[in-house]
Amino acid sequence: MIYSAPVNIRLSQGKLNVLETCARKFKLSYLDNLSSPIPPKQKERMEWGRRFHLLMQQRELGLPVEVLFAGDRKMKQCYEALIDAVPDILKSNNLEGRSLFREAEHSRVLSLDRCEIVVIYDLLVEQEDRAQIFDWKTYPLAKDRSRLQHNWQTRLYPFVLAETSDYQPEQISMTYWFVQSVAWSNRKSDRQMTPQKLFFQYDRRQHEQTRQDLDRRVAELTEWLENYSSESSFPKVAEDSKVCQFCPFARRCDRGSSGSEMSWDLEDIPETYMWDEERNDDF
């Protein structure tokens, strides 16, 4: 197959996570445009997440939201619990008077050498002395804070904001809210949704490290694109890698059954694979 590398590579946090996890999966997914059937349970979770994000966007726009959780008691509970958990941000737009700018589903594009970085913030709130990025995660609280801290979303979102605004890195923060976290009462059968958060403060050191990592990844990707037909381009992960267990291309890479043919419990799936994906911004 002959592949002509694009003049500008368009990358999102989702694509960078795939590229870092497995270069061959990146090639098969985004260059060869191959796909596989999505397991029904995963499809249901993705649709639930899509609806919840739409719900939060509608609320920010001041539009009616009741119709979006009609008949879905769980979504109504998650929504109301989140509003109660973040009153300073979400209740009656308390920050509106002090905000220079706020918007749900706010997108930005940062142009670098041979590369365009695309981000979409679930909610961006800009004030005179700081900027806050909020992201709604529609699964329980992440168990590994360190892994989340090194996820490309946590690194890329503040980086792009610092590069496209007058805010210093130290004035930027990012907060993840996990809306499906559950708290149990004294009665075993009684549980309630209690959103949990993880807060990440940004700084200059992280900013420069992200710049270096991004430059290295883009240079690596450019080289692979220029040698697209070579077997050494877009290498596979090691044969004993656990990521193959959940990959839809496992059989294509001679790594056993494809992940889409298997059935897992939510607890078995690595957090990276549950991560809410960016919009379909294929280049």
C-alpha atoms as a PDB file:
ATOM      1  CA  MET A   1       0.000   0.000   0.000  1.00  0.00           C
ATOM      2  CA  ILE A   2       1.304   3.487  -0.871  1.00  0.00           C
ATOM      3  CA  TYR A   3       0.508   6.131   1.716  1.00  0.00           C
ATOM      4  CA  SER A   4       1.072   9.831   1.231  1.00  0.00           C
ATOM      5  CA  ALA A   5       1.808  11.563   4.522  1.00  0.00           C
ATOM      6  CA  PRO A   6      -0.337  14.656   5.172  1.00  0.00           C
ATOM      7  CA  VAL A   7       1.327  18.034   5.226  1.00  0.00           C
ATOM      8  CA  ASN A   8      -0.173  18.682   8.670  1.00  0.00           C
ATOM      9  CA  ILE A   9      -0.766  15.804  11.067  1.00  0.00           C
ATOM     10  CA  ARG A  10      -3.947  16.298  13.125  1.00  0.00           C
ATOM     11  CA  LEU A  11      -3.639  14.826  16.609  1.00  0.00           C
ATOM     12  CA  SER A  12      -5.893  14.621  19.655  1.00  0.00           C
ATOM     13  CA  GLN A  13      -5.226  13.253  23.124  1.00  0.00           C
ATOM     14  CA  GLY A  14      -6.981  10.047  22.108  1.00  0.00           C
ATOM     15  CA  LYS A  15      -4.694   9.514  19.137  1.00  0.00           C
ATOM     16  CA  LEU A  16      -1.592  10.322  21.172  1.00  0.00           C
ATOM     17  CA  ASN A  17      -2.625   7.781  23.816  1.00  0.00           C
ATOM     18  CA  VAL A  18      -3.049   5.104  21.140  1.00  0.00           C
ATOM     19  CA  LEU A  19       0.251   6.061  19.506  1.00  0.00           C
ATOM     20  CA  GLU A  20       2.065   5.779  22.828  1.00  0.00           C
ATOM     21  CA  THR A  21       0.366   2.506  23.752  1.00  0.00           C
ATOM     22  CA  CYS A  22       0.852   0.760  20.391  1.00  0.00           C
ATOM     23  CA  ALA A  23       2.097   2.335  17.165  1.00  0.00           C
ATOM     24  CA  ARG A  24       0.706  -0.544  15.076  1.00  0.00           C
ATOM     25  CA  LYS A  25      -2.774  -0.012  16.486  1.00  0.00           C
ATOM     26  CA  PHE A  26      -2.469   3.681  15.577  1.00  0.00           C
ATOM     27  CA  LYS A  27      -1.619   2.735  11.993  1.00  0.00           C
ATOM     28  CA  LEU A  28      -4.466   0.236  11.660  1.00  0.00           C
ATOM     29  CA  SER A  29      -7.028   2.566  13.253  1.00  0.00           C
ATOM     30  CA  TYR A  30      -6.219   5.980  11.814  1.00  0.00           C
ATOM     31  CA  LEU A  31      -4.218   5.360   8.637  1.00  0.00           C
ATOM     32  CA  ASP A  32      -5.646   2.098   7.322  1.00  0.00           C
ATOM     33  CA  ASN A  33      -9.094   3.068   8.666  1.00  0.00           C
ATOM     34  CA  LEU A  34      -9.803  -0.421   9.958  1.00  0.00           C
ATOM     35  CA  SER A  35     -12.388  -1.030  12.634  1.00  0.00           C
ATOM     36  CA  SER A  36     -14.144  -3.868  14.400  1.00  0.00           C
ATOM     37  CA  PRO A  37     -17.605  -4.379  15.934  1.00  0.00           C
ATOM     38  CA  ILE A  38     -18.007  -2.730  19.323  1.00  0.00           C
ATOM     39  CA  PRO A  39     -19.148  -5.134  22.076  1.00  0.00           C
ATOM     40  CA  PRO A  40     -22.739  -4.357  23.128  1.00  0.00           C
ATOM     41  CA  LYS A  41     -21.852  -3.452  26.738  1.00  0.00           C
ATOM     42  CA  GLN A  42     -19.114  -1.099  25.614  1.00  0.00           C
ATOM     43  CA  LYS A  43     -21.464   0.468  23.089  1.00  0.00           C
ATOM     44  CA  GLU A  44     -24.041   1.062  25.820  1.00  0.00           C
ATOM     45  CA  ARG A  45     -21.426   2.750  28.030  1.00  0.00           C
ATOM     46  CA  MET A  46     -20.289   4.967  25.144  1.00  0.00           C
ATOM     47  CA  GLU A  47     -23.864   6.026  24.376  1.00  0.00           C
ATOM     48  CA  TRP A  48     -24.539   6.739  28.053  1.00  0.00           C
ATOM     49  CA  GLY A  49     -21.402   8.887  28.188  1.00  0.00           C
ATOM     50  CA  ARG A  50     -22.393  10.746  25.026  1.00  0.00           C
ATOM     51  CA  ARG A  51     -25.799  11.549  26.468  1.00  0.00           C
ATOM     52  CA  PHE A  52     -24.346  12.718  29.779  1.00  0.00           C
ATOM     53  CA  HIS A  53     -21.945  15.102  28.036  1.00  0.00           C
ATOM     54  CA  LEU A  54     -24.826  16.443  25.953  1.00  0.00           C
ATOM     55  CA  LEU A  55     -26.810  16.894  29.162  1.00  0.00           C
ATOM     56  CA  MET A  56     -24.037  19.005  30.710  1.00  0.00           C
ATOM     57  CA  GLN A  57     -23.682  21.069  27.544  1.00  0.00           C
ATOM     58  CA  GLN A  58     -27.440  21.724  27.412  1.00  0.00           C
ATOM     59  CA  ARG A  59     -27.379  22.840  31.026  1.00  0.00           C
ATOM     60  CA  GLU A  60     -24.518  25.275  30.384  1.00  0.00           C
ATOM     61  CA  LEU A  61     -26.464  26.746  27.465  1.00  0.00           C
ATOM     62  CA  GLY A  62     -29.496  27.272  29.694  1.00  0.00           C
ATOM     63  CA  LEU A  63     -31.616  24.779  27.745  1.00  0.00           C
ATOM     64  CA  PRO A  64     -34.068  22.255  29.287  1.00  0.00           C
ATOM     65  CA  VAL A  65     -32.348  19.046  30.364  1.00  0.00           C
ATOM     66  CA  GLU A  66     -35.156  16.943  31.816  1.00  0.00           C
ATOM     67  CA  VAL A  67     -35.902  15.239  28.512  1.00  0.00           C
ATOM     68  CA  LEU A  68     -32.323  13.948  28.342  1.00  0.00           C
ATOM     69  CA  PHE A  69     -32.577  11.869  31.526  1.00  0.00           C
ATOM     70  CA  ALA A  70     -36.266  11.014  31.223  1.00  0.00           C
ATOM     71  CA  GLY A  71     -36.637   7.321  31.985  1.00  0.00           C
ATOM     72  CA  ASP A  72     -32.997   7.014  33.077  1.00  0.00           C
ATOM     73  CA  ARG A  73     -32.935   7.140  36.879  1.00  0.00           C
ATOM     74  CA  LYS A  74     -29.184   6.545  37.042  1.00  0.00           C
ATOM     75  CA  MET A  75     -28.393   9.486  34.786  1.00  0.00           C
ATOM     76  CA  LYS A  76     -30.696  11.761  36.776  1.00  0.00           C
ATOM     77  CA  GLN A  77     -28.966  10.707  40.008  1.00  0.00           C
ATOM     78  CA  CYS A  78     -25.493  11.273  38.527  1.00  0.00           C
ATOM     79  CA  TYR A  79     -26.482  14.672  37.168  1.00  0.00           C
ATOM     80  CA  GLU A  80     -28.045  15.930  40.401  1.00  0.00           C
ATOM     81  CA  ALA A  81     -25.174  14.554  42.487  1.00  0.00           C
ATOM     82  CA  LEU A  82     -22.623  16.351  40.310  1.00  0.00           C
ATOM     83  CA  ILE A  83     -24.493  19.652  40.542  1.00  0.00           C
ATOM     84  CA  ASP A  84     -24.563  19.320  44.342  1.00  0.00           C
ATOM     85  CA  ALA A  85     -20.873  18.370  44.467  1.00  0.00           C
ATOM     86  CA  VAL A  86     -19.662  21.406  42.498  1.00  0.00           C
ATOM     87  CA  PRO A  87     -21.963  24.257  43.600  1.00  0.00           C
ATOM     88  CA  ASP A  88     -19.376  27.002  43.101  1.00  0.00           C
ATOM     89  CA  ILE A  89     -19.014  26.058  39.449  1.00  0.00           C
ATOM     90  CA  LEU A  90     -22.370  24.651  38.396  1.00  0.00           C
ATOM     91  CA  LYS A  91     -25.155  25.951  40.616  1.00  0.00           C
ATOM     92  CA  SER A  92     -26.891  28.976  39.107  1.00  0.00           C
ATOM     93  CA  ASN A  93     -23.689  29.875  37.285  1.00  0.00           C
ATOM     94  CA  ASN A  94     -22.176  31.187  40.526  1.00  0.00           C
ATOM     95  CA  LEU A  95     -18.947  32.037  38.745  1.00  0.00           C
ATOM     96  CA  GLU A  96     -20.663  33.949  35.969  1.00  0.00           C
ATOM     97  CA  GLY A  97     -20.086  37.352  37.523  1.00  0.00           C
ATOM     98  CA  ARG A  98     -16.402  36.635  38.109  1.00  0.00           C
ATOM     99  CA  SER A  99     -15.746  34.818  34.839  1.00  0.00           C
ATOM    100  CA  LEU A 100     -14.214  36.452  31.812  1.00  0.00           C
ATOM    101  CA  PHE A 101     -15.261  33.482  29.708  1.00  0.00           C
ATOM    102  CA  ARG A 102     -16.898  30.094  30.188  1.00  0.00           C
ATOM    103  CA  GLU A 103     -18.072  27.558  27.635  1.00  0.00           C
ATOM    104  CA  ALA A 104     -18.981  23.892  27.425  1.00  0.00           C
ATOM    105  CA  GLU A 105     -17.531  21.749  24.631  1.00  0.00           C
ATOM    106  CA  HIS A 106     -14.978  24.473  23.937  1.00  0.00           C
ATOM    107  CA  SER A 107     -12.512  23.488  21.208  1.00  0.00           C
ATOM    108  CA  ARG A 108      -9.049  24.822  20.399  1.00  0.00           C
ATOM    109  CA  VAL A 109      -6.449  24.028  17.757  1.00  0.00           C
ATOM    110  CA  LEU A 110      -2.734  24.579  18.291  1.00  0.00           C
ATOM    111  CA  SER A 111      -0.568  24.595  15.165  1.00  0.00           C
ATOM    112  CA  LEU A 112       2.941  23.239  15.567  1.00  0.00           C
ATOM    113  CA  ASP A 113       5.562  22.196  13.031  1.00  0.00           C
ATOM    114  CA  ARG A 114       3.797  19.706  10.678  1.00  0.00           C
ATOM    115  CA  CYS A 115       1.174  19.137  13.342  1.00  0.00           C
ATOM    116  CA  GLU A 116      -2.210  20.419  14.546  1.00  0.00           C
ATOM    117  CA  ILE A 117      -3.201  19.612  18.117  1.00  0.00           C
ATOM    118  CA  VAL A 118      -6.959  19.487  18.741  1.00  0.00           C
ATOM    119  CA  VAL A 119      -8.554  19.649  22.191  1.00  0.00           C
ATOM    120  CA  ILE A 120     -12.181  19.854  23.335  1.00  0.00           C
ATOM    121  CA  TYR A 121     -12.867  20.948  26.919  1.00  0.00           C
ATOM    122  CA  ASP A 122     -16.047  19.684  28.579  1.00  0.00           C
ATOM    123  CA  LEU A 123     -16.112  22.988  30.472  1.00  0.00           C
ATOM    124  CA  LEU A 124     -13.594  25.823  30.408  1.00  0.00           C
ATOM    125  CA  VAL A 125     -13.897  28.618  32.977  1.00  0.00           C
ATOM    126  CA  GLU A 126     -11.561  31.587  32.605  1.00  0.00           C
ATOM    127  CA  GLN A 127     -11.155  34.158  35.355  1.00  0.00           C
ATOM    128  CA  GLU A 128      -8.836  37.126  35.646  1.00  0.00           C
ATOM    129  CA  ASP A 129      -6.159  35.276  37.599  1.00  0.00           C
ATOM    130  CA  ARG A 130      -6.745  31.624  36.661  1.00  0.00           C
ATOM    131  CA  ALA A 131      -8.284  29.200  34.195  1.00  0.00           C
ATOM    132  CA  GLN A 132     -10.023  25.967  35.170  1.00  0.00           C
ATOM    133  CA  ILE A 133     -10.558  22.974  32.911  1.00  0.00           C
ATOM    134  CA  PHE A 134     -13.289  20.525  33.917  1.00  0.00           C
ATOM    135  CA  ASP A 135     -13.796  17.082  32.446  1.00  0.00           C
ATOM    136  CA  TRP A 136     -16.688  14.718  33.131  1.00  0.00           C
ATOM    137  CA  LYS A 137     -15.738  11.026  33.279  1.00  0.00           C
ATOM    138  CA  THR A 138     -18.649   8.623  33.047  1.00  0.00           C
ATOM    139  CA  TYR A 139     -17.073   5.724  34.901  1.00  0.00           C
ATOM    140  CA  PRO A 140     -15.979   5.251  38.560  1.00  0.00           C
ATOM    141  CA  LEU A 141     -12.980   7.016  40.096  1.00  0.00           C
ATOM    142  CA  ALA A 142      -9.654   6.093  38.506  1.00  0.00           C
ATOM    143  CA  LYS A 143      -7.631   3.847  40.784  1.00  0.00           C
ATOM    144  CA  ASP A 144      -4.195   4.991  39.622  1.00  0.00           C
ATOM    145  CA  ARG A 145      -3.643   8.744  39.941  1.00  0.00           C
ATOM    146  CA  SER A 146      -0.112   8.476  38.549  1.00  0.00           C
ATOM    147  CA  ARG A 147      -1.303   6.772  35.367  1.00  0.00           C
ATOM    148  CA  LEU A 148      -3.974   9.409  34.922  1.00  0.00           C
ATOM    149  CA  GLN A 149      -1.426  12.164  35.471  1.00  0.00           C
ATOM    150  CA  HIS A 150       0.664  10.797  32.601  1.00  0.00           C
ATOM    151  CA  ASN A 151      -2.319  10.294  30.303  1.00  0.00           C
ATOM    152  CA  TRP A 152      -2.071  12.567  27.264  1.00  0.00           C
ATOM    153  CA  GLN A 153      -5.344  14.293  28.107  1.00  0.00           C
ATOM    154  CA  THR A 154      -4.007  15.512  31.448  1.00  0.00           C
ATOM    155  CA  ARG A 155      -0.819  16.727  29.774  1.00  0.00           C
ATOM    156  CA  LEU A 156      -2.243  18.100  26.535  1.00  0.00           C
ATOM    157  CA  TYR A 157      -5.275  20.083  27.704  1.00  0.00           C
ATOM    158  CA  PRO A 158      -3.389  22.529  29.980  1.00  0.00           C
ATOM    159  CA  PHE A 159      -0.513  22.696  27.488  1.00  0.00           C
ATOM    160  CA  VAL A 160      -2.741  23.880  24.645  1.00  0.00           C
ATOM    161  CA  LEU A 161      -4.505  26.409  26.880  1.00  0.00           C
ATOM    162  CA  ALA A 162      -1.182  27.886  28.009  1.00  0.00           C
ATOM    163  CA  GLU A 163       0.020  28.081  24.398  1.00  0.00           C
ATOM    164  CA  THR A 164      -3.153  29.733  23.105  1.00  0.00           C
ATOM    165  CA  SER A 165      -3.847  32.225  25.909  1.00  0.00           C
ATOM    166  CA  ASP A 166      -2.113  34.747  28.173  1.00  0.00           C
ATOM    167  CA  TYR A 167      -2.321  32.444  31.206  1.00  0.00           C
ATOM    168  CA  GLN A 168       0.902  31.235  32.785  1.00  0.00           C
ATOM    169  CA  PRO A 169       1.088  27.449  33.386  1.00  0.00           C
ATOM    170  CA  GLU A 170       0.824  28.018  37.152  1.00  0.00           C
ATOM    171  CA  GLN A 171      -2.545  29.736  36.621  1.00  0.00           C
ATOM    172  CA  ILE A 172      -4.070  26.660  34.953  1.00  0.00           C
ATOM    173  CA  SER A 173      -5.649  23.624  36.606  1.00  0.00           C
ATOM    174  CA  MET A 174      -7.576  20.583  35.442  1.00  0.00           C
ATOM    175  CA  THR A 175     -10.218  18.703  37.428  1.00  0.00           C
ATOM    176  CA  TYR A 176     -11.735  15.361  36.505  1.00  0.00           C
ATOM    177  CA  TRP A 177     -15.142  14.525  37.957  1.00  0.00           C
ATOM    178  CA  PHE A 178     -16.033  10.816  37.953  1.00  0.00           C
ATOM    179  CA  VAL A 179     -19.802  10.873  37.959  1.00  0.00           C
ATOM    180  CA  GLN A 180     -20.517   7.159  38.395  1.00  0.00           C
ATOM    181  CA  SER A 181     -18.656   6.712  41.662  1.00  0.00           C
ATOM    182  CA  VAL A 182     -20.864   4.992  44.243  1.00  0.00           C
ATOM    183  CA  ALA A 183     -21.100   5.363  48.027  1.00  0.00           C
ATOM    184  CA  TRP A 184     -22.822   2.679  50.082  1.00  0.00           C
ATOM    185  CA  SER A 185     -24.968   3.479  53.115  1.00  0.00           C
ATOM    186  CA  ASN A 186     -25.219   1.353  56.258  1.00  0.00           C
ATOM    187  CA  ARG A 187     -27.846  -0.708  54.475  1.00  0.00           C
ATOM    188  CA  LYS A 188     -26.054  -2.958  51.970  1.00  0.00           C
ATOM    189  CA  SER A 189     -28.858  -2.640  49.460  1.00  0.00           C
ATOM    190  CA  ASP A 190     -28.831   1.159  49.557  1.00  0.00           C
ATOM    191  CA  ARG A 191     -26.322   3.055  47.459  1.00  0.00           C
ATOM    192  CA  GLN A 192     -26.103   6.544  46.040  1.00  0.00           C
ATOM    193  CA  MET A 193     -24.062   8.275  43.380  1.00  0.00           C
ATOM    194  CA  THR A 194     -21.292  10.350  44.959  1.00  0.00           C
ATOM    195  CA  PRO A 195     -19.077  12.030  42.351  1.00  0.00           C
ATOM    196  CA  GLN A 196     -15.353  11.886  43.087  1.00  0.00           C
ATOM    197  CA  LYS A 197     -12.716  14.224  41.709  1.00  0.00           C
ATOM    198  CA  LEU A 198      -9.027  14.302  40.881  1.00  0.00           C
ATOM    199  CA  PHE A 199      -7.377  17.712  40.721  1.00  0.00           C
ATOM    200  CA  PHE A 200      -4.187  18.496  38.802  1.00  0.00           C
ATOM    201  CA  GLN A 201      -2.336  21.787  39.157  1.00  0.00           C
ATOM    202  CA  TYR A 202      -0.249  22.747  36.132  1.00  0.00           C
ATOM    203  CA  ASP A 203       3.198  24.401  36.206  1.00  0.00           C
ATOM    204  CA  ARG A 204       6.127  25.448  34.000  1.00  0.00           C
ATOM    205  CA  ARG A 205       8.071  22.228  34.533  1.00  0.00           C
ATOM    206  CA  GLN A 206       5.172  20.108  33.295  1.00  0.00           C
ATOM    207  CA  HIS A 207       4.702  22.480  30.375  1.00  0.00           C
ATOM    208  CA  GLU A 208       8.267  22.135  29.135  1.00  0.00           C
ATOM    209  CA  GLN A 209       8.230  18.371  29.640  1.00  0.00           C
ATOM    210  CA  THR A 210       5.024  18.067  27.608  1.00  0.00           C
ATOM    211  CA  ARG A 211       6.564  20.167  24.848  1.00  0.00           C
ATOM    212  CA  GLN A 212       9.570  17.823  24.686  1.00  0.00           C
ATOM    213  CA  ASP A 213       7.397  14.684  24.735  1.00  0.00           C
ATOM    214  CA  LEU A 214       5.134  16.094  22.043  1.00  0.00           C
ATOM    215  CA  ASP A 215       8.059  17.065  19.807  1.00  0.00           C
ATOM    216  CA  ARG A 216       9.512  13.565  20.180  1.00  0.00           C
ATOM    217  CA  ARG A 217       6.219  11.843  19.362  1.00  0.00           C
ATOM    218  CA  VAL A 218       5.577  14.027  16.319  1.00  0.00           C
ATOM    219  CA  ALA A 219       9.118  13.460  15.016  1.00  0.00           C
ATOM    220  CA  GLU A 220       8.708   9.722  15.511  1.00  0.00           C
ATOM    221  CA  LEU A 221       5.329   9.698  13.776  1.00  0.00           C
ATOM    222  CA  THR A 222       6.685  11.755  10.864  1.00  0.00           C
ATOM    223  CA  GLU A 223       9.515   9.272  10.335  1.00  0.00           C
ATOM    224  CA  TRP A 224       7.106   6.327  10.373  1.00  0.00           C
ATOM    225  CA  LEU A 225       4.826   8.043   7.881  1.00  0.00           C
ATOM    226  CA  GLU A 226       7.733   8.669   5.529  1.00  0.00           C
ATOM    227  CA  ASN A 227       8.648   4.959   5.697  1.00  0.00           C
ATOM    228  CA  TYR A 228       5.064   3.743   5.754  1.00  0.00           C
ATOM    229  CA  SER A 229       5.580   0.522   3.759  1.00  0.00           C
ATOM    230  CA  SER A 230       8.542  -0.627   5.848  1.00  0.00           C
ATOM    231  CA  GLU A 231       7.933  -3.444   8.335  1.00  0.00           C
ATOM    232  CA  SER A 232       9.887  -1.478  10.932  1.00  0.00           C
ATOM    233  CA  SER A 233       7.452   1.428  10.619  1.00  0.00           C
ATOM    234  CA  PHE A 234       4.717   1.550  13.283  1.00  0.00           C
ATOM    235  CA  PRO A 235       6.137  -1.393  15.276  1.00  0.00           C
ATOM    236  CA  LYS A 236       4.030  -3.808  17.316  1.00  0.00           C
ATOM    237  CA  VAL A 237       4.292  -3.997  21.079  1.00  0.00           C
ATOM    238  CA  ALA A 238       6.138  -6.896  22.700  1.00  0.00           C
ATOM    239  CA  GLU A 239       4.391 -10.248  22.360  1.00  0.00           C
ATOM    240  CA  ASP A 240       3.865 -10.567  26.106  1.00  0.00           C
ATOM    241  CA  SER A 241       2.202  -7.143  26.366  1.00  0.00           C
ATOM    242  CA  LYS A 242      -1.124  -7.132  28.182  1.00  0.00           C
ATOM    243  CA  VAL A 243      -2.545  -4.437  25.899  1.00  0.00           C
ATOM    244  CA  CYS A 244      -3.117  -7.081  23.213  1.00  0.00           C
ATOM    245  CA  GLN A 245      -5.721  -8.761  25.434  1.00  0.00           C
ATOM    246  CA  PHE A 246      -8.103  -5.853  24.894  1.00  0.00           C
ATOM    247  CA  CYS A 247      -7.153  -4.923  21.331  1.00  0.00           C
ATOM    248  CA  PRO A 248      -9.550  -5.525  18.401  1.00  0.00           C
ATOM    249  CA  PHE A 249      -6.555  -6.121  16.126  1.00  0.00           C
ATOM    250  CA  ALA A 250      -4.957  -8.889  18.206  1.00  0.00           C
ATOM    251  CA  ARG A 251      -5.748 -11.596  15.666  1.00  0.00           C
ATOM    252  CA  ARG A 252      -4.514  -9.469  12.762  1.00  0.00           C
ATOM    253  CA  CYS A 253      -1.199  -9.083  14.604  1.00  0.00           C
ATOM    254  CA  ASP A 254      -1.077 -12.845  15.404  1.00  0.00           C
ATOM    255  CA  ARG A 255      -1.595 -12.153  19.089  1.00  0.00           C
ATOM    256  CA  GLY A 256      -4.544 -14.480  19.750  1.00  0.00           C
ATOM    257  CA  SER A 257      -8.246 -13.643  19.772  1.00  0.00           C
ATOM    258  CA  SER A 258      -9.337 -10.091  19.028  1.00  0.00           C
ATOM    259  CA  GLY A 259     -10.388  -8.066  22.028  1.00  0.00           C
ATOM    260  CA  SER A 260     -13.797  -7.396  20.474  1.00  0.00           C
ATOM    261  CA  GLU A 261     -14.516 -11.146  20.521  1.00  0.00           C
ATOM    262  CA  MET A 262     -13.967 -11.404  24.257  1.00  0.00           C
ATOM    263  CA  SER A 263     -16.273 -10.571  27.151  1.00  0.00           C
ATOM    264  CA  TRP A 264     -14.973  -8.719  30.197  1.00  0.00           C
ATOM    265  CA  ASP A 265     -16.264  -7.191  33.378  1.00  0.00           C
ATOM    266  CA  LEU A 266     -15.811  -3.448  33.694  1.00  0.00           C
ATOM    267  CA  GLU A 267     -13.300  -4.005  36.507  1.00  0.00           C
ATOM    268  CA  ASP A 268     -11.057  -6.055  34.201  1.00  0.00           C
ATOM    269  CA  ILE A 269     -10.600  -3.386  31.554  1.00  0.00           C
ATOM    270  CA  PRO A 270      -7.577  -1.067  31.926  1.00  0.00           C
ATOM    271  CA  GLU A 271      -8.517   2.551  32.592  1.00  0.00           C
ATOM    272  CA  THR A 272      -6.848   3.610  29.340  1.00  0.00           C
ATOM    273  CA  TYR A 273      -9.451   1.639  27.380  1.00  0.00           C
ATOM    274  CA  MET A 274     -12.373   3.136  29.282  1.00  0.00           C
ATOM    275  CA  TRP A 275     -11.152   6.672  28.646  1.00  0.00           C
ATOM    276  CA  ASP A 276     -13.698   8.866  26.928  1.00  0.00           C
ATOM    277  CA  GLU A 277     -12.436   9.292  23.380  1.00  0.00           C
ATOM    278  CA  GLU A 278     -12.131  12.615  21.603  1.00  0.00           C
ATOM    279  CA  ARG A 279     -14.417  13.464  18.724  1.00  0.00           C
ATOM    280  CA  ASN A 280     -13.725  11.764  15.424  1.00  0.00           C
ATOM    281  CA  ASP A 281     -11.047  14.131  14.170  1.00  0.00           C
ATOM    282  CA  ASP A 282      -9.322  11.852  11.673  1.00  0.00           C
ATOM    283  CA  PHE A 283      -6.688  13.440   9.501  1.00  0.00           C
END
